[in-house]
Amino acid sequence: MNKKTISIIHVVLVVLTFISVLKGGFPRVYDRPEIIPYKLVPSVAEIDVLTIEIIEPNCIVDIPEIQREETIEIIYQRIKLQETGYWILNDVFWIDDKPYILIKIKESF
């Protein structure tokens, strides 16, 4: 093979790579995470017990009801994990190929 055919092969490979990237063939390395604010509030039923309150998660409004319930359940589990384990604080996590991040809103009791 001479230099001309090698350069043609390189050009074809570059063009195919660009077309694949434009179509979304390669996964995105970083998506902007959806921010989910939450706070711990005192429970009305019991003394010295805190409950989790998610503050208007806009990211789960336009998904089907069953998926929304499961997503909220996973978010509650993730909040419990974040509150009990310091090593996972402010870490991005993924649910159904969407990145989320939890932000705790401090409130004085």
N, C-alpha and C. Protein backbone atom coordinates (compact mmCIF):
# COMPACT_ATOMS: atom_id res chain seq x y z
N MET A 1 0.84 -1.18 0.00
CA MET A 1 0.00 0.00 0.00
C MET A 1 0.88 1.23 0.00
N ASN A 2 0.47 2.13 -0.79
CA ASN A 2 1.27 3.36 -0.84
C ASN A 2 0.68 4.42 0.09
N LYS A 3 1.33 5.56 0.14
CA LYS A 3 0.93 6.61 1.09
C LYS A 3 -0.44 7.19 0.77
N LYS A 4 -0.81 7.17 -0.51
CA LYS A 4 -2.09 7.74 -0.89
C LYS A 4 -3.25 6.91 -0.34
N THR A 5 -3.16 5.60 -0.41
CA THR A 5 -4.24 4.76 0.10
C THR A 5 -4.31 4.80 1.62
N ILE A 6 -3.16 4.92 2.27
CA ILE A 6 -3.15 5.02 3.74
C ILE A 6 -3.80 6.33 4.18
N SER A 7 -3.53 7.42 3.48
CA SER A 7 -4.14 8.69 3.86
C SER A 7 -5.65 8.67 3.56
N ILE A 8 -6.07 8.00 2.52
CA ILE A 8 -7.51 7.89 2.23
C ILE A 8 -8.20 7.09 3.34
N ILE A 9 -7.56 6.03 3.80
CA ILE A 9 -8.13 5.23 4.89
C ILE A 9 -8.26 6.08 6.15
N HIS A 10 -7.25 6.90 6.44
CA HIS A 10 -7.32 7.78 7.61
C HIS A 10 -8.46 8.78 7.49
N VAL A 11 -8.63 9.36 6.33
CA VAL A 11 -9.70 10.34 6.12
C VAL A 11 -11.06 9.66 6.30
N VAL A 12 -11.21 8.46 5.77
CA VAL A 12 -12.48 7.74 5.91
C VAL A 12 -12.77 7.43 7.37
N LEU A 13 -11.75 7.01 8.11
CA LEU A 13 -11.94 6.72 9.53
C LEU A 13 -12.33 7.97 10.32
N VAL A 14 -11.71 9.09 10.03
CA VAL A 14 -12.03 10.35 10.71
C VAL A 14 -13.46 10.77 10.39
N VAL A 15 -13.86 10.66 9.13
CA VAL A 15 -15.23 11.04 8.74
C VAL A 15 -16.25 10.13 9.43
N LEU A 16 -15.99 8.84 9.48
CA LEU A 16 -16.90 7.92 10.16
C LEU A 16 -17.00 8.22 11.66
N THR A 17 -15.88 8.58 12.25
CA THR A 17 -15.89 8.92 13.68
C THR A 17 -16.73 10.18 13.92
N PHE A 18 -16.56 11.20 13.11
CA PHE A 18 -17.34 12.43 13.27
C PHE A 18 -18.83 12.17 13.07
N ILE A 19 -19.18 11.37 12.08
CA ILE A 19 -20.60 11.05 11.85
C ILE A 19 -21.17 10.29 13.04
N SER A 20 -20.41 9.37 13.57
CA SER A 20 -20.87 8.59 14.73
C SER A 20 -21.06 9.49 15.95
N VAL A 21 -20.16 10.42 16.18
CA VAL A 21 -20.27 11.33 17.31
C VAL A 21 -21.47 12.26 17.13
N LEU A 22 -21.70 12.75 15.93
CA LEU A 22 -22.83 13.63 15.68
C LEU A 22 -24.16 12.92 15.88
N LYS A 23 -24.22 11.64 15.56
CA LYS A 23 -25.45 10.87 15.76
C LYS A 23 -25.63 10.44 17.19
N GLY A 24 -24.63 10.60 18.01
CA GLY A 24 -24.72 10.19 19.40
C GLY A 24 -24.31 8.75 19.60
N GLY A 25 -23.48 8.24 18.75
CA GLY A 25 -23.05 6.85 18.83
C GLY A 25 -22.16 6.56 20.02
N PHE A 26 -21.41 7.54 20.46
CA PHE A 26 -20.55 7.35 21.62
C PHE A 26 -21.26 7.90 22.85
N PRO A 27 -21.13 7.23 23.98
CA PRO A 27 -21.78 7.75 25.18
C PRO A 27 -21.14 9.06 25.64
N ARG A 28 -21.95 9.92 26.20
CA ARG A 28 -21.43 11.18 26.71
C ARG A 28 -20.69 10.92 28.01
N VAL A 29 -19.55 11.53 28.13
CA VAL A 29 -18.73 11.31 29.31
C VAL A 29 -19.32 12.03 30.51
N TYR A 30 -19.86 13.22 30.30
CA TYR A 30 -20.36 13.99 31.43
C TYR A 30 -21.66 14.68 31.04
N ASP A 31 -22.71 14.39 31.76
CA ASP A 31 -23.97 15.10 31.63
C ASP A 31 -24.13 15.97 32.87
N ARG A 32 -24.78 17.08 32.71
CA ARG A 32 -25.01 17.96 33.87
C ARG A 32 -26.02 17.27 34.79
N PRO A 33 -25.66 17.08 36.05
CA PRO A 33 -26.57 16.37 36.96
C PRO A 33 -27.76 17.23 37.37
N GLU A 34 -28.89 16.56 37.57
CA GLU A 34 -30.07 17.22 38.10
C GLU A 34 -29.88 17.41 39.60
N ILE A 35 -30.14 18.59 40.10
CA ILE A 35 -29.96 18.89 41.51
C ILE A 35 -31.26 18.59 42.25
N ILE A 36 -31.15 17.79 43.31
CA ILE A 36 -32.31 17.46 44.14
C ILE A 36 -32.06 18.02 45.53
N PRO A 37 -32.72 19.13 45.88
CA PRO A 37 -32.56 19.67 47.23
C PRO A 37 -33.44 18.91 48.21
N TYR A 38 -32.91 18.70 49.42
CA TYR A 38 -33.68 18.04 50.47
C TYR A 38 -33.30 18.65 51.80
N LYS A 39 -34.16 18.40 52.79
CA LYS A 39 -33.84 18.84 54.15
C LYS A 39 -34.41 17.83 55.13
N LEU A 40 -33.83 17.82 56.30
CA LEU A 40 -34.31 16.98 57.39
C LEU A 40 -35.18 17.84 58.29
N VAL A 41 -36.41 17.40 58.51
CA VAL A 41 -37.34 18.16 59.34
C VAL A 41 -37.78 17.30 60.52
N PRO A 42 -38.11 17.91 61.65
CA PRO A 42 -38.58 17.14 62.80
C PRO A 42 -39.91 16.45 62.49
N SER A 43 -40.03 15.23 62.94
CA SER A 43 -41.25 14.46 62.72
C SER A 43 -42.35 14.96 63.65
N VAL A 44 -43.56 14.98 63.15
CA VAL A 44 -44.70 15.41 63.95
C VAL A 44 -45.14 14.30 64.88
N ALA A 45 -45.02 13.06 64.44
CA ALA A 45 -45.53 11.92 65.20
C ALA A 45 -44.66 11.58 66.41
N GLU A 46 -43.36 11.67 66.26
CA GLU A 46 -42.46 11.23 67.33
C GLU A 46 -41.48 12.34 67.69
N ILE A 47 -41.03 12.29 68.93
CA ILE A 47 -40.04 13.26 69.39
C ILE A 47 -38.65 12.74 69.06
N ASP A 48 -37.73 13.62 68.73
CA ASP A 48 -36.34 13.30 68.41
C ASP A 48 -36.19 12.41 67.18
N VAL A 49 -37.11 12.52 66.23
CA VAL A 49 -37.03 11.77 64.98
C VAL A 49 -37.09 12.77 63.84
N LEU A 50 -36.23 12.60 62.86
CA LEU A 50 -36.22 13.48 61.70
C LEU A 50 -36.77 12.74 60.49
N THR A 51 -37.49 13.46 59.65
CA THR A 51 -37.97 12.89 58.40
C THR A 51 -37.33 13.64 57.24
N ILE A 52 -37.28 12.99 56.10
CA ILE A 52 -36.68 13.57 54.90
C ILE A 52 -37.77 14.27 54.10
N GLU A 53 -37.47 15.49 53.70
CA GLU A 53 -38.39 16.24 52.85
C GLU A 53 -37.65 16.65 51.58
N ILE A 54 -38.10 16.13 50.45
CA ILE A 54 -37.52 16.51 49.16
C ILE A 54 -38.24 17.77 48.71
N ILE A 55 -37.49 18.76 48.31
CA ILE A 55 -38.06 20.06 47.95
C ILE A 55 -38.19 20.16 46.43
N GLU A 56 -39.39 19.99 45.95
CA GLU A 56 -39.74 20.14 44.53
C GLU A 56 -38.71 19.60 43.56
N PRO A 57 -38.63 18.30 43.39
CA PRO A 57 -37.69 17.77 42.40
C PRO A 57 -38.26 17.93 40.99
N ASN A 58 -37.86 18.95 40.29
CA ASN A 58 -38.37 19.23 38.95
C ASN A 58 -37.98 18.18 37.93
N CYS A 59 -36.94 17.43 38.22
CA CYS A 59 -36.43 16.48 37.24
C CYS A 59 -37.31 15.25 37.09
N ILE A 60 -38.22 15.00 38.02
CA ILE A 60 -39.04 13.80 37.93
C ILE A 60 -40.51 14.11 37.65
N VAL A 61 -40.80 15.31 37.20
CA VAL A 61 -42.18 15.70 36.94
C VAL A 61 -42.72 15.04 35.68
N ASP A 62 -41.95 14.98 34.64
CA ASP A 62 -42.44 14.51 33.35
C ASP A 62 -42.05 13.06 33.03
N ILE A 63 -42.02 12.20 34.03
CA ILE A 63 -41.79 10.78 33.79
C ILE A 63 -43.04 10.01 34.23
N PRO A 64 -43.26 8.80 33.73
CA PRO A 64 -44.46 8.04 34.10
C PRO A 64 -44.56 7.81 35.61
N GLU A 65 -45.79 7.62 36.09
CA GLU A 65 -46.07 7.53 37.53
C GLU A 65 -45.30 6.41 38.22
N ILE A 66 -45.28 5.22 37.62
CA ILE A 66 -44.60 4.09 38.25
C ILE A 66 -43.09 4.35 38.33
N GLN A 67 -42.53 4.88 37.26
CA GLN A 67 -41.11 5.19 37.25
C GLN A 67 -40.80 6.32 38.25
N ARG A 68 -41.72 7.27 38.39
CA ARG A 68 -41.54 8.37 39.34
C ARG A 68 -41.48 7.84 40.76
N GLU A 69 -42.39 6.92 41.11
CA GLU A 69 -42.40 6.36 42.46
C GLU A 69 -41.11 5.60 42.75
N GLU A 70 -40.64 4.82 41.78
CA GLU A 70 -39.40 4.07 41.98
C GLU A 70 -38.20 5.01 42.08
N THR A 71 -38.20 6.06 41.27
CA THR A 71 -37.11 7.02 41.32
C THR A 71 -37.08 7.74 42.67
N ILE A 72 -38.24 8.13 43.17
CA ILE A 72 -38.31 8.79 44.48
C ILE A 72 -37.84 7.85 45.58
N GLU A 73 -38.22 6.57 45.48
CA GLU A 73 -37.77 5.60 46.48
C GLU A 73 -36.24 5.46 46.45
N ILE A 74 -35.66 5.42 45.26
CA ILE A 74 -34.20 5.34 45.15
C ILE A 74 -33.55 6.60 45.71
N ILE A 75 -34.16 7.75 45.47
CA ILE A 75 -33.62 9.02 45.98
C ILE A 75 -33.65 9.02 47.51
N TYR A 76 -34.75 8.55 48.11
CA TYR A 76 -34.82 8.47 49.57
C TYR A 76 -33.73 7.54 50.11
N GLN A 77 -33.53 6.40 49.46
CA GLN A 77 -32.47 5.48 49.90
C GLN A 77 -31.10 6.13 49.79
N ARG A 78 -30.91 6.89 48.73
CA ARG A 78 -29.63 7.56 48.53
C ARG A 78 -29.41 8.65 49.59
N ILE A 79 -30.48 9.36 49.96
CA ILE A 79 -30.36 10.37 51.02
C ILE A 79 -29.98 9.71 52.33
N LYS A 80 -30.61 8.58 52.65
CA LYS A 80 -30.27 7.86 53.88
C LYS A 80 -28.82 7.42 53.86
N LEU A 81 -28.36 6.94 52.70
CA LEU A 81 -26.97 6.52 52.57
C LEU A 81 -26.03 7.71 52.73
N GLN A 82 -26.38 8.84 52.16
CA GLN A 82 -25.53 10.03 52.26
C GLN A 82 -25.49 10.57 53.68
N GLU A 83 -26.60 10.50 54.39
CA GLU A 83 -26.64 11.00 55.77
C GLU A 83 -25.90 10.10 56.74
N THR A 84 -25.84 8.81 56.46
CA THR A 84 -25.19 7.88 57.39
C THR A 84 -23.74 7.59 57.02
N GLY A 85 -23.34 7.90 55.79
CA GLY A 85 -21.97 7.62 55.38
C GLY A 85 -21.29 8.86 54.85
N TYR A 86 -20.23 9.26 55.51
CA TYR A 86 -19.55 10.50 55.12
C TYR A 86 -18.77 10.35 53.81
N TRP A 87 -18.45 9.13 53.39
CA TRP A 87 -17.63 8.92 52.20
C TRP A 87 -18.40 9.15 50.90
N ILE A 88 -19.70 9.29 50.98
CA ILE A 88 -20.51 9.41 49.77
C ILE A 88 -21.12 10.80 49.65
N LEU A 89 -20.65 11.75 50.42
CA LEU A 89 -21.20 13.09 50.47
C LEU A 89 -21.00 13.82 49.15
N ASN A 90 -22.06 14.42 48.64
CA ASN A 90 -22.04 15.22 47.39
C ASN A 90 -21.49 14.45 46.20
N ASP A 91 -21.87 13.22 46.08
CA ASP A 91 -21.42 12.39 44.98
C ASP A 91 -22.53 12.30 43.93
N VAL A 92 -22.17 12.34 42.66
CA VAL A 92 -23.14 12.21 41.58
C VAL A 92 -23.52 10.74 41.46
N PHE A 93 -24.81 10.45 41.36
CA PHE A 93 -25.27 9.09 41.16
C PHE A 93 -26.22 9.06 39.97
N TRP A 94 -26.42 7.87 39.42
CA TRP A 94 -27.18 7.71 38.18
C TRP A 94 -28.41 6.86 38.42
N ILE A 95 -29.54 7.31 37.88
CA ILE A 95 -30.77 6.53 37.85
C ILE A 95 -31.29 6.59 36.42
N ASP A 96 -31.45 5.44 35.79
CA ASP A 96 -31.96 5.36 34.41
C ASP A 96 -31.17 6.27 33.46
N ASP A 97 -29.86 6.19 33.54
CA ASP A 97 -28.95 6.95 32.66
C ASP A 97 -29.08 8.46 32.82
N LYS A 98 -29.56 8.95 33.94
CA LYS A 98 -29.61 10.38 34.23
C LYS A 98 -28.83 10.63 35.50
N PRO A 99 -27.93 11.61 35.48
CA PRO A 99 -27.15 11.91 36.70
C PRO A 99 -27.94 12.80 37.65
N TYR A 100 -27.80 12.53 38.94
CA TYR A 100 -28.44 13.31 39.98
C TYR A 100 -27.40 13.64 41.05
N ILE A 101 -27.64 14.73 41.76
CA ILE A 101 -26.81 15.08 42.90
C ILE A 101 -27.74 15.63 43.99
N LEU A 102 -27.48 15.21 45.21
CA LEU A 102 -28.30 15.65 46.35
C LEU A 102 -27.63 16.83 47.04
N ILE A 103 -28.42 17.85 47.32
CA ILE A 103 -27.94 19.03 48.03
C ILE A 103 -28.77 19.18 49.29
N LYS A 104 -28.10 19.13 50.44
CA LYS A 104 -28.80 19.26 51.71
C LYS A 104 -28.96 20.73 52.06
N ILE A 105 -30.18 21.11 52.37
CA ILE A 105 -30.48 22.47 52.78
C ILE A 105 -30.51 22.48 54.30
N LYS A 106 -29.64 23.25 54.90
CA LYS A 106 -29.54 23.31 56.35
C LYS A 106 -30.69 24.11 56.90
N GLU A 107 -31.22 23.63 58.00
CA GLU A 107 -32.30 24.35 58.67
C GLU A 107 -32.07 24.25 60.17
N SER A 108 -32.17 25.35 60.84
CA SER A 108 -31.98 25.32 62.29
C SER A 108 -33.28 24.92 62.95
N PHE A 109 -33.19 24.08 63.93
CA PHE A 109 -34.38 23.58 64.62
C PHE A 109 -34.65 24.42 65.85
